[in-house]
């Protein structure tokens, strides 16, 4: 993992909270995790 943020996945809708944050000039970031099999 490189520790970077990912673009919002197409399957996840934009929330009202995110819309408000973007309108106010705040950053919105997504994290994506992958389960490891031990």
Protein backbone atom coordinates (compact mmCIF):
# COMPACT_ATOMS: atom_id res chain seq x y z
CA UNK A 1 0.00 0.00 0.00
CA UNK A 2 1.27 3.43 -0.88
CA UNK A 3 -0.88 5.31 1.67
CA UNK A 4 -2.49 7.56 -0.92
CA UNK A 5 -6.13 8.51 -1.17
CA UNK A 6 -8.28 7.15 -3.98
CA UNK A 7 -10.93 8.85 -6.11
CA UNK A 8 -14.49 8.27 -4.94
CA UNK A 9 -15.55 4.86 -6.25
CA UNK A 10 -18.39 4.95 -8.79
CA UNK A 11 -20.46 2.57 -6.64
CA UNK A 12 -20.47 5.00 -3.68
CA UNK A 13 -22.89 7.92 -4.00
CA UNK A 14 -21.86 11.46 -3.13
CA UNK A 15 -23.26 12.33 0.29
CA UNK A 16 -24.87 15.62 1.30
CA UNK A 17 -22.05 16.03 3.82
CA UNK A 18 -19.44 15.76 1.05
CA UNK A 19 -21.37 18.13 -1.22
CA UNK A 20 -21.47 20.72 1.55
CA UNK A 21 -17.76 20.28 2.30
CA UNK A 22 -16.80 20.70 -1.33
CA UNK A 23 -19.05 23.74 -1.67
CA UNK A 24 -17.25 25.30 1.31
CA UNK A 25 -13.85 24.53 -0.21
CA UNK A 26 -12.94 21.61 2.06
CA UNK A 27 -11.14 18.54 0.79
CA UNK A 28 -12.94 15.23 0.61
CA UNK A 29 -10.85 12.07 0.46
CA UNK A 30 -11.58 8.37 0.21
CA UNK A 31 -9.58 5.53 1.66
CA UNK A 32 -9.76 2.02 0.29
CA UNK A 33 -8.62 -1.01 2.23
CA UNK A 34 -7.93 -4.53 1.11
CA UNK A 35 -8.31 -7.48 3.40
CA UNK A 36 -5.25 -9.65 3.60
CA UNK A 37 -5.50 -13.40 3.83
CA UNK A 38 -3.14 -14.85 6.42
